[in-house]
N, C-alpha and C. Protein backbone atom coordinates (compact mmCIF):
# COMPACT_ATOMS: atom_id res chain seq x y z
N MET A 1 120.15 106.20 105.97
CA MET A 1 119.23 105.49 105.10
C MET A 1 118.77 104.22 105.82
N ASP A 2 117.49 103.96 105.78
CA ASP A 2 116.93 102.78 106.41
C ASP A 2 117.04 101.61 105.43
N ASN A 3 118.15 100.89 105.49
CA ASN A 3 118.41 99.81 104.55
C ASN A 3 117.40 98.69 104.64
N ALA A 4 116.87 98.45 105.82
CA ALA A 4 115.91 97.36 105.99
C ALA A 4 114.63 97.63 105.21
N ARG A 5 114.15 98.87 105.24
CA ARG A 5 112.93 99.21 104.50
C ARG A 5 113.13 99.04 103.00
N VAL A 6 114.29 99.47 102.50
CA VAL A 6 114.57 99.35 101.07
C VAL A 6 114.74 97.89 100.69
N ARG A 7 115.48 97.14 101.51
CA ARG A 7 115.68 95.71 101.23
C ARG A 7 114.34 94.98 101.20
N ASP A 8 113.47 95.28 102.16
CA ASP A 8 112.15 94.63 102.19
C ASP A 8 111.31 95.00 100.98
N ALA A 9 111.45 96.22 100.51
CA ALA A 9 110.68 96.65 99.35
C ALA A 9 111.09 95.86 98.10
N PHE A 10 112.37 95.53 97.99
CA PHE A 10 112.85 94.79 96.82
C PHE A 10 112.84 93.28 97.03
N ALA A 11 112.50 92.80 98.22
CA ALA A 11 112.56 91.37 98.53
C ALA A 11 111.67 90.56 97.59
N HIS A 12 110.50 91.07 97.26
CA HIS A 12 109.59 90.33 96.37
C HIS A 12 110.22 90.14 94.99
N LEU A 13 110.93 91.15 94.52
CA LEU A 13 111.52 91.06 93.18
C LEU A 13 112.64 90.03 93.11
N THR A 14 113.37 89.83 94.19
CA THR A 14 114.50 88.91 94.15
C THR A 14 114.06 87.47 93.89
N ARG A 15 112.83 87.14 94.22
CA ARG A 15 112.33 85.77 93.96
C ARG A 15 112.23 85.48 92.47
N PHE A 16 112.01 86.53 91.67
CA PHE A 16 111.80 86.35 90.24
C PHE A 16 113.00 86.83 89.42
N LYS A 17 114.09 87.06 90.09
CA LYS A 17 115.27 87.64 89.46
C LYS A 17 115.76 86.81 88.29
N ASP A 18 115.95 85.52 88.50
CA ASP A 18 116.53 84.66 87.46
C ASP A 18 115.61 84.48 86.26
N GLU A 19 114.32 84.64 86.44
CA GLU A 19 113.38 84.48 85.33
C GLU A 19 113.49 85.58 84.29
N HIS A 20 113.99 86.74 84.69
CA HIS A 20 114.00 87.89 83.79
C HIS A 20 115.36 88.24 83.22
N ILE A 21 116.41 87.58 83.68
CA ILE A 21 117.73 87.85 83.14
C ILE A 21 117.90 87.05 81.85
N VAL A 22 118.20 87.75 80.77
CA VAL A 22 118.33 87.13 79.45
C VAL A 22 119.78 86.71 79.25
N CYS A 23 119.96 85.41 78.97
CA CYS A 23 121.30 84.87 78.75
C CYS A 23 121.43 84.40 77.30
N GLU A 24 122.58 84.68 76.73
CA GLU A 24 122.89 84.21 75.38
C GLU A 24 124.31 83.65 75.40
N GLY A 25 124.45 82.44 74.95
CA GLY A 25 125.77 81.81 74.96
C GLY A 25 126.29 81.56 76.35
N GLY A 26 125.39 81.34 77.30
CA GLY A 26 125.79 81.05 78.67
C GLY A 26 126.12 82.26 79.51
N ARG A 27 126.01 83.46 78.94
CA ARG A 27 126.31 84.69 79.68
C ARG A 27 125.14 85.65 79.56
N ALA A 28 124.99 86.46 80.59
CA ALA A 28 123.93 87.47 80.58
C ALA A 28 124.26 88.55 79.56
N VAL A 29 123.25 89.06 78.91
CA VAL A 29 123.41 90.13 77.92
C VAL A 29 123.91 91.37 78.67
N SER A 30 124.87 92.07 78.10
CA SER A 30 125.45 93.25 78.75
C SER A 30 124.46 94.40 78.77
N VAL A 31 124.71 95.35 79.65
CA VAL A 31 123.84 96.52 79.78
C VAL A 31 123.80 97.32 78.47
N PRO A 32 124.96 97.63 77.84
CA PRO A 32 124.88 98.38 76.58
C PRO A 32 124.10 97.64 75.49
N GLU A 33 124.25 96.32 75.44
CA GLU A 33 123.51 95.55 74.44
C GLU A 33 122.02 95.54 74.75
N ALA A 34 121.66 95.46 76.03
CA ALA A 34 120.25 95.50 76.41
C ALA A 34 119.64 96.86 76.06
N VAL A 35 120.39 97.93 76.28
CA VAL A 35 119.90 99.27 75.92
C VAL A 35 119.72 99.37 74.41
N ARG A 36 120.69 98.86 73.66
CA ARG A 36 120.61 98.89 72.19
C ARG A 36 119.35 98.15 71.71
N ARG A 37 119.12 96.97 72.27
CA ARG A 37 117.95 96.19 71.85
C ARG A 37 116.64 96.84 72.29
N TYR A 38 116.64 97.45 73.48
CA TYR A 38 115.43 98.14 73.95
C TYR A 38 115.10 99.31 73.03
N ARG A 39 116.10 100.06 72.65
CA ARG A 39 115.86 101.20 71.76
C ARG A 39 115.41 100.73 70.38
N ALA A 40 115.86 99.55 69.96
CA ALA A 40 115.50 99.03 68.64
C ALA A 40 114.07 98.50 68.60
N ASP A 41 113.70 97.71 69.61
CA ASP A 41 112.38 97.07 69.55
C ASP A 41 111.40 97.53 70.63
N GLY A 42 111.86 98.25 71.64
CA GLY A 42 110.98 98.76 72.69
C GLY A 42 110.38 97.68 73.59
N ASP A 43 110.99 96.50 73.58
CA ASP A 43 110.48 95.39 74.39
C ASP A 43 110.88 95.59 75.86
N ASP A 44 109.90 95.49 76.74
CA ASP A 44 110.13 95.72 78.16
C ASP A 44 110.95 94.62 78.83
N ARG A 45 111.16 93.51 78.15
CA ARG A 45 111.97 92.47 78.77
C ARG A 45 113.42 92.94 78.96
N TRP A 46 113.87 93.88 78.14
CA TRP A 46 115.23 94.41 78.30
C TRP A 46 115.32 95.32 79.53
N VAL A 47 114.26 96.02 79.82
CA VAL A 47 114.23 96.85 81.02
C VAL A 47 114.27 95.93 82.25
N LEU A 48 113.46 94.88 82.23
CA LEU A 48 113.46 93.92 83.34
C LEU A 48 114.81 93.22 83.47
N HIS A 49 115.44 92.94 82.35
CA HIS A 49 116.77 92.31 82.37
C HIS A 49 117.77 93.19 83.11
N VAL A 50 117.81 94.47 82.77
CA VAL A 50 118.75 95.39 83.42
C VAL A 50 118.37 95.58 84.89
N LEU A 51 117.09 95.72 85.17
CA LEU A 51 116.63 95.92 86.55
C LEU A 51 116.97 94.72 87.42
N MET A 52 116.63 93.54 86.98
CA MET A 52 116.85 92.34 87.78
C MET A 52 118.33 91.99 87.90
N GLY A 53 119.10 92.29 86.89
CA GLY A 53 120.52 92.00 86.95
C GLY A 53 121.29 92.94 87.86
N ASN A 54 120.70 94.07 88.20
CA ASN A 54 121.40 95.09 88.99
C ASN A 54 120.49 95.67 90.07
N LEU A 55 119.76 94.81 90.77
CA LEU A 55 118.82 95.27 91.78
C LEU A 55 119.48 96.12 92.86
N GLY A 56 120.68 95.78 93.24
CA GLY A 56 121.36 96.53 94.29
C GLY A 56 121.60 97.98 93.89
N TYR A 57 121.97 98.20 92.65
CA TYR A 57 122.20 99.55 92.16
C TYR A 57 120.93 100.39 92.28
N PHE A 58 119.82 99.81 91.84
CA PHE A 58 118.57 100.57 91.82
C PHE A 58 117.95 100.66 93.22
N ALA A 59 118.21 99.67 94.06
CA ALA A 59 117.76 99.76 95.46
C ALA A 59 118.48 100.90 96.16
N ASN A 60 119.76 101.08 95.86
CA ASN A 60 120.53 102.16 96.44
C ASN A 60 120.00 103.52 95.97
N ALA A 61 119.68 103.62 94.70
CA ALA A 61 119.13 104.88 94.16
C ALA A 61 117.81 105.22 94.84
N LEU A 62 116.94 104.23 94.99
CA LEU A 62 115.67 104.46 95.66
C LEU A 62 115.87 104.73 97.14
N GLY A 63 116.84 104.08 97.75
CA GLY A 63 117.12 104.31 99.16
C GLY A 63 117.51 105.74 99.46
N LYS A 64 118.27 106.34 98.56
CA LYS A 64 118.66 107.74 98.74
C LYS A 64 117.43 108.66 98.70
N VAL A 65 116.52 108.37 97.81
CA VAL A 65 115.28 109.17 97.71
C VAL A 65 114.43 108.95 98.95
N ALA A 66 114.30 107.70 99.37
CA ALA A 66 113.47 107.38 100.55
C ALA A 66 114.02 108.05 101.80
N ALA A 67 115.33 108.07 101.94
CA ALA A 67 115.93 108.68 103.13
C ALA A 67 115.75 110.19 103.14
N LYS A 68 115.92 110.81 101.99
CA LYS A 68 115.86 112.27 101.95
C LYS A 68 114.44 112.81 102.07
N TRP A 69 113.48 112.16 101.41
CA TRP A 69 112.11 112.67 101.40
C TRP A 69 111.16 111.89 102.28
N ASN A 70 111.67 110.92 103.03
CA ASN A 70 110.87 110.15 103.99
C ASN A 70 109.62 109.55 103.35
N ILE A 71 109.85 108.79 102.30
CA ILE A 71 108.76 108.11 101.60
C ILE A 71 108.88 106.62 101.86
N ASP A 72 107.83 105.88 101.54
CA ASP A 72 107.86 104.44 101.69
C ASP A 72 108.43 103.83 100.41
N PRO A 73 109.57 103.15 100.49
CA PRO A 73 110.18 102.59 99.28
C PRO A 73 109.29 101.61 98.54
N ALA A 74 108.45 100.89 99.26
CA ALA A 74 107.57 99.91 98.61
C ALA A 74 106.61 100.57 97.63
N ASP A 75 106.23 101.81 97.92
CA ASP A 75 105.32 102.52 97.02
C ASP A 75 106.02 102.99 95.74
N TYR A 76 107.34 103.02 95.75
CA TYR A 76 108.09 103.58 94.63
C TYR A 76 108.74 102.53 93.73
N ILE A 77 108.54 101.25 93.99
CA ILE A 77 109.10 100.21 93.12
C ILE A 77 108.62 100.37 91.67
N PRO A 78 107.33 100.62 91.42
CA PRO A 78 106.92 100.82 90.02
C PRO A 78 107.60 102.03 89.38
N PHE A 79 107.91 103.04 90.19
CA PHE A 79 108.56 104.23 89.64
C PHE A 79 110.02 103.96 89.30
N VAL A 80 110.64 103.01 90.00
CA VAL A 80 112.00 102.59 89.64
C VAL A 80 111.98 102.01 88.23
N TYR A 81 111.00 101.18 87.97
CA TYR A 81 110.85 100.58 86.64
C TYR A 81 110.61 101.65 85.58
N GLU A 82 109.69 102.57 85.86
CA GLU A 82 109.39 103.63 84.89
C GLU A 82 110.59 104.53 84.66
N GLY A 83 111.31 104.85 85.73
CA GLY A 83 112.51 105.68 85.60
C GLY A 83 113.58 104.99 84.78
N LEU A 84 113.73 103.68 84.96
CA LEU A 84 114.70 102.92 84.19
C LEU A 84 114.31 102.88 82.72
N ARG A 85 113.04 102.71 82.44
CA ARG A 85 112.57 102.74 81.04
C ARG A 85 112.90 104.06 80.38
N GLU A 86 112.63 105.14 81.12
CA GLU A 86 112.90 106.47 80.58
C GLU A 86 114.40 106.67 80.34
N ALA A 87 115.23 106.24 81.30
CA ALA A 87 116.68 106.38 81.16
C ALA A 87 117.21 105.54 80.00
N MET A 88 116.70 104.32 79.85
CA MET A 88 117.15 103.47 78.75
C MET A 88 116.73 104.03 77.40
N GLY A 89 115.57 104.68 77.37
CA GLY A 89 115.12 105.29 76.12
C GLY A 89 115.97 106.47 75.70
N ARG A 90 116.58 107.13 76.65
CA ARG A 90 117.41 108.31 76.35
C ARG A 90 118.89 107.98 76.19
N ALA A 91 119.31 106.84 76.68
CA ALA A 91 120.74 106.51 76.74
C ALA A 91 121.32 106.23 75.36
N ASP A 92 122.58 106.59 75.20
CA ASP A 92 123.34 106.25 74.02
C ASP A 92 123.91 104.85 74.24
N PRO A 93 123.51 103.87 73.44
CA PRO A 93 123.95 102.49 73.69
C PRO A 93 125.46 102.30 73.66
N ASP A 94 126.17 103.16 72.95
CA ASP A 94 127.61 103.00 72.86
C ASP A 94 128.34 103.54 74.08
N ARG A 95 127.71 104.45 74.82
CA ARG A 95 128.39 105.07 75.96
C ARG A 95 127.68 104.86 77.29
N VAL A 96 126.62 104.09 77.32
CA VAL A 96 125.82 103.93 78.54
C VAL A 96 126.61 103.19 79.61
N ARG A 97 126.41 103.62 80.83
CA ARG A 97 126.97 102.97 82.00
C ARG A 97 125.83 102.73 82.98
N LEU A 98 126.03 101.77 83.84
CA LEU A 98 125.01 101.46 84.83
C LEU A 98 124.77 102.65 85.75
N SER A 99 125.80 103.42 86.04
CA SER A 99 125.65 104.59 86.90
C SER A 99 124.74 105.64 86.25
N TYR A 100 124.77 105.75 84.93
CA TYR A 100 123.88 106.67 84.23
C TYR A 100 122.43 106.24 84.42
N LEU A 101 122.17 104.96 84.26
CA LEU A 101 120.81 104.46 84.42
C LEU A 101 120.33 104.61 85.86
N SER A 102 121.22 104.35 86.82
CA SER A 102 120.87 104.51 88.22
C SER A 102 120.56 105.97 88.55
N THR A 103 121.32 106.88 87.98
CA THR A 103 121.05 108.31 88.19
C THR A 103 119.71 108.69 87.57
N GLY A 104 119.38 108.11 86.43
CA GLY A 104 118.08 108.37 85.81
C GLY A 104 116.93 107.91 86.70
N VAL A 105 117.10 106.75 87.34
CA VAL A 105 116.09 106.24 88.27
C VAL A 105 115.98 107.17 89.47
N PHE A 106 117.13 107.59 90.01
CA PHE A 106 117.14 108.50 91.16
C PHE A 106 116.41 109.80 90.82
N MET A 107 116.72 110.39 89.67
CA MET A 107 116.11 111.67 89.30
C MET A 107 114.60 111.51 89.08
N TYR A 108 114.18 110.42 88.47
CA TYR A 108 112.76 110.20 88.23
C TYR A 108 112.01 110.04 89.55
N CYS A 109 112.54 109.22 90.45
CA CYS A 109 111.90 109.00 91.75
C CYS A 109 111.95 110.27 92.60
N ARG A 110 113.04 111.02 92.49
CA ARG A 110 113.16 112.27 93.26
C ARG A 110 112.09 113.27 92.83
N ARG A 111 111.88 113.37 91.54
CA ARG A 111 110.87 114.29 91.03
C ARG A 111 109.49 113.94 91.57
N LEU A 112 109.16 112.65 91.60
CA LEU A 112 107.86 112.22 92.11
C LEU A 112 107.76 112.39 93.62
N ALA A 113 108.85 112.12 94.34
CA ALA A 113 108.84 112.29 95.79
C ALA A 113 108.69 113.75 96.18
N GLU A 114 109.37 114.64 95.46
CA GLU A 114 109.23 116.08 95.74
C GLU A 114 107.79 116.52 95.52
N LYS A 115 107.17 116.01 94.47
CA LYS A 115 105.77 116.35 94.21
C LYS A 115 104.87 115.85 95.33
N GLU A 116 105.12 114.62 95.79
CA GLU A 116 104.31 114.05 96.87
C GLU A 116 104.48 114.85 98.16
N VAL A 117 105.71 115.23 98.47
CA VAL A 117 105.96 116.00 99.69
C VAL A 117 105.31 117.37 99.61
N ARG A 118 105.37 118.01 98.45
CA ARG A 118 104.70 119.30 98.27
C ARG A 118 103.20 119.19 98.49
N GLU A 119 102.60 118.12 97.97
CA GLU A 119 101.16 117.94 98.13
C GLU A 119 100.80 117.65 99.58
N ARG A 120 101.68 116.92 100.29
CA ARG A 120 101.43 116.62 101.70
C ARG A 120 101.53 117.85 102.58
N SER A 121 102.36 118.79 102.19
CA SER A 121 102.63 119.93 103.07
C SER A 121 101.99 121.23 102.59
N LYS A 122 100.92 121.13 101.81
CA LYS A 122 100.23 122.35 101.40
C LYS A 122 99.70 123.07 102.63
N GLU A 123 99.71 124.37 102.55
CA GLU A 123 99.23 125.16 103.68
C GLU A 123 97.74 124.95 103.86
N ALA A 124 97.33 124.84 105.10
CA ALA A 124 95.92 124.65 105.42
C ALA A 124 95.18 125.97 105.28
N LYS A 125 93.95 125.89 104.83
CA LYS A 125 93.13 127.09 104.76
C LYS A 125 92.58 127.37 106.15
N MET A 126 92.63 128.63 106.54
CA MET A 126 92.21 129.00 107.89
C MET A 126 90.76 128.63 108.18
N ASP A 127 89.87 128.74 107.19
CA ASP A 127 88.47 128.45 107.46
C ASP A 127 88.22 126.97 107.75
N GLU A 128 89.18 126.10 107.37
CA GLU A 128 89.03 124.68 107.65
C GLU A 128 89.41 124.33 109.09
N VAL A 129 90.20 125.18 109.73
CA VAL A 129 90.68 124.86 111.07
C VAL A 129 90.17 125.85 112.12
N ILE A 130 89.19 126.67 111.77
CA ILE A 130 88.59 127.58 112.74
C ILE A 130 87.59 126.78 113.58
N ILE A 131 87.68 126.93 114.89
CA ILE A 131 86.74 126.26 115.78
C ILE A 131 86.07 127.32 116.65
N GLU A 132 84.99 126.94 117.27
CA GLU A 132 84.27 127.86 118.15
C GLU A 132 84.39 127.39 119.59
N ASN A 133 84.51 128.36 120.51
CA ASN A 133 84.54 128.00 121.93
C ASN A 133 83.11 127.97 122.47
N ASP A 134 82.97 127.81 123.78
CA ASP A 134 81.65 127.69 124.40
C ASP A 134 80.78 128.93 124.21
N GLU A 135 81.42 130.10 124.09
CA GLU A 135 80.66 131.34 123.93
C GLU A 135 80.33 131.63 122.46
N GLY A 136 80.69 130.74 121.57
CA GLY A 136 80.40 130.95 120.16
C GLY A 136 81.44 131.77 119.43
N GLU A 137 82.55 132.12 120.12
CA GLU A 137 83.62 132.87 119.48
C GLU A 137 84.47 131.91 118.65
N GLU A 138 84.87 132.40 117.49
CA GLU A 138 85.72 131.57 116.63
C GLU A 138 87.17 131.71 117.07
N LEU A 139 87.83 130.57 117.20
CA LEU A 139 89.24 130.54 117.59
C LEU A 139 90.01 129.72 116.57
N ALA A 140 91.19 130.18 116.22
CA ALA A 140 92.06 129.40 115.35
C ALA A 140 92.87 128.47 116.24
N ASP A 141 92.74 127.18 116.04
CA ASP A 141 93.45 126.20 116.85
C ASP A 141 94.84 125.98 116.24
N LEU A 142 95.88 126.40 116.96
CA LEU A 142 97.24 126.29 116.47
C LEU A 142 97.63 124.84 116.20
N ASP A 143 97.23 123.93 117.08
CA ASP A 143 97.56 122.53 116.87
C ASP A 143 96.93 121.98 115.60
N MET A 144 95.70 122.40 115.31
CA MET A 144 95.03 121.95 114.08
C MET A 144 95.73 122.51 112.85
N ILE A 145 96.16 123.76 112.93
CA ILE A 145 96.86 124.37 111.79
C ILE A 145 98.17 123.62 111.53
N LEU A 146 98.92 123.36 112.60
CA LEU A 146 100.18 122.65 112.44
C LEU A 146 99.96 121.22 111.94
N ALA A 147 98.95 120.53 112.49
CA ALA A 147 98.66 119.16 112.05
C ALA A 147 98.24 119.14 110.59
N ALA A 148 97.50 120.13 110.14
CA ALA A 148 97.09 120.19 108.74
C ALA A 148 98.30 120.37 107.83
N ASN A 149 99.37 120.90 108.37
CA ASN A 149 100.60 121.08 107.60
C ASN A 149 101.59 119.96 107.81
N GLY A 150 101.18 118.91 108.48
CA GLY A 150 102.04 117.75 108.67
C GLY A 150 103.01 117.87 109.83
N ILE A 151 102.82 118.84 110.71
CA ILE A 151 103.69 119.03 111.86
C ILE A 151 102.92 118.53 113.08
N TYR A 152 103.39 117.43 113.66
CA TYR A 152 102.67 116.82 114.76
C TYR A 152 103.40 116.96 116.09
N GLU A 153 104.67 117.28 116.06
CA GLU A 153 105.43 117.46 117.29
C GLU A 153 105.78 118.93 117.42
N VAL A 154 105.28 119.57 118.44
CA VAL A 154 105.48 120.99 118.65
C VAL A 154 106.38 121.16 119.87
N PRO A 155 107.43 121.98 119.75
CA PRO A 155 108.28 122.20 120.92
C PRO A 155 107.49 122.90 122.02
N LEU A 156 107.86 122.62 123.25
CA LEU A 156 107.17 123.20 124.39
C LEU A 156 107.44 124.70 124.46
N SER A 157 106.44 125.45 124.84
CA SER A 157 106.66 126.88 125.07
C SER A 157 107.35 127.06 126.41
N ASP A 158 107.83 128.26 126.69
CA ASP A 158 108.52 128.52 127.96
C ASP A 158 107.61 128.23 129.15
N GLU A 159 106.35 128.65 129.03
CA GLU A 159 105.41 128.47 130.14
C GLU A 159 105.15 126.98 130.38
N THR A 160 104.94 126.24 129.32
CA THR A 160 104.68 124.80 129.44
C THR A 160 105.92 124.08 129.95
N ALA A 161 107.08 124.53 129.51
CA ALA A 161 108.33 123.90 129.96
C ALA A 161 108.50 124.09 131.47
N HIS A 162 108.18 125.27 131.97
CA HIS A 162 108.29 125.53 133.42
C HIS A 162 107.29 124.65 134.20
N GLU A 163 106.09 124.51 133.68
CA GLU A 163 105.09 123.66 134.33
C GLU A 163 105.54 122.21 134.37
N ALA A 164 106.11 121.74 133.27
CA ALA A 164 106.58 120.36 133.20
C ALA A 164 107.74 120.13 134.19
N CYS A 165 108.64 121.11 134.28
CA CYS A 165 109.76 120.99 135.21
C CYS A 165 109.26 121.00 136.66
N ASP A 166 108.28 121.84 136.96
CA ASP A 166 107.74 121.91 138.32
C ASP A 166 107.07 120.58 138.69
N ALA A 167 106.41 119.95 137.72
CA ALA A 167 105.74 118.68 137.99
C ALA A 167 106.75 117.56 138.28
N LEU A 168 107.92 117.64 137.64
CA LEU A 168 108.95 116.61 137.86
C LEU A 168 109.60 116.74 139.22
N TYR A 169 109.74 117.94 139.73
CA TYR A 169 110.46 118.15 141.01
C TYR A 169 109.49 118.38 142.06
């Protein structure tokens, strides 16, 4: 997991962390109480309270998604918030744990990342990558087909490998 990318994605939020944590009686409101109040009034300040109070937990959840699906964590910060809202809306306030909410964020972001990866790797239509040579014959360019599918590094063929080795020696 690229911890630096995830840390940088959450760096902006840490500046505003203290502004969103709700304190009563000198102590921060607990996660179960924040979930209870969110379910009662639907106020987003409780979602921000849980998010800002436990940024490391949610950064770790997003980091796992970013590492597995090779996405940019900065693009998924709003989805962390949406996933947390969804998890808090479903949670039982009497039995909720922070790990449950973190798993909800992970599952929400994973679902969106899988969708993004599927859209990125759709198969190219052959008519979009057909080219013509000097004689007007249509040729399917293998590199274009692979590039259209998101594959940019192609292993060398045996013939090319022999040519490369001969050039080195």
